[in-house]
Amino acid sequence: MRYSCLCWVNDVSDHNKPIANSELVLREEFDDWAILFDPDSGEAFGLNPVAVFIWKLLDGTRSVAAITEELAKHCDDVPPEAMQHIGEFIGDLEKRGYVGYELRP
C-alpha cells in the first residue's frame, strides 16, 4: 500500500480517508488507554479512550465526517466541534507519520 503526505488539518472533506500506519504497534492498557509505539524510531504516543476508538477506525474507508458519526453512535455528549477536533488529531498523527492516505489513480 502506498501513502501520500497530504495537508489535512484544514481539510475534513469526504474524499480524504485516513489509514493508520500498519508498522505501528497499538498496546492497549488498563481503562481503555493505549500507547502507539513506533518500533523503527522508538517513539511512543499515548492515546486516551476516545483516541483509541478513532485509531481503530483509521482503515481508509472512512472520512473524518464518517468517523465523527461513528463516534456519536457510541458516545454520549459528543460536542458540535468534534469533527474539527478529530481532524486536528488526525493531522497531528499525519505529521508524526502515523497516518497516511492511499494514492488513487
Foldseek 3Di string as FASTA:
>chain_A
DDFDQDQFLVDQDWVFQKAFDPQWDWAADPPQKTWIARPVVRDIDIGHNLRSLLNVRRHQPGTLVRSLVVVPVPDPPQDPCNSSVSRNVVSVCSVVVRMGHDDDD
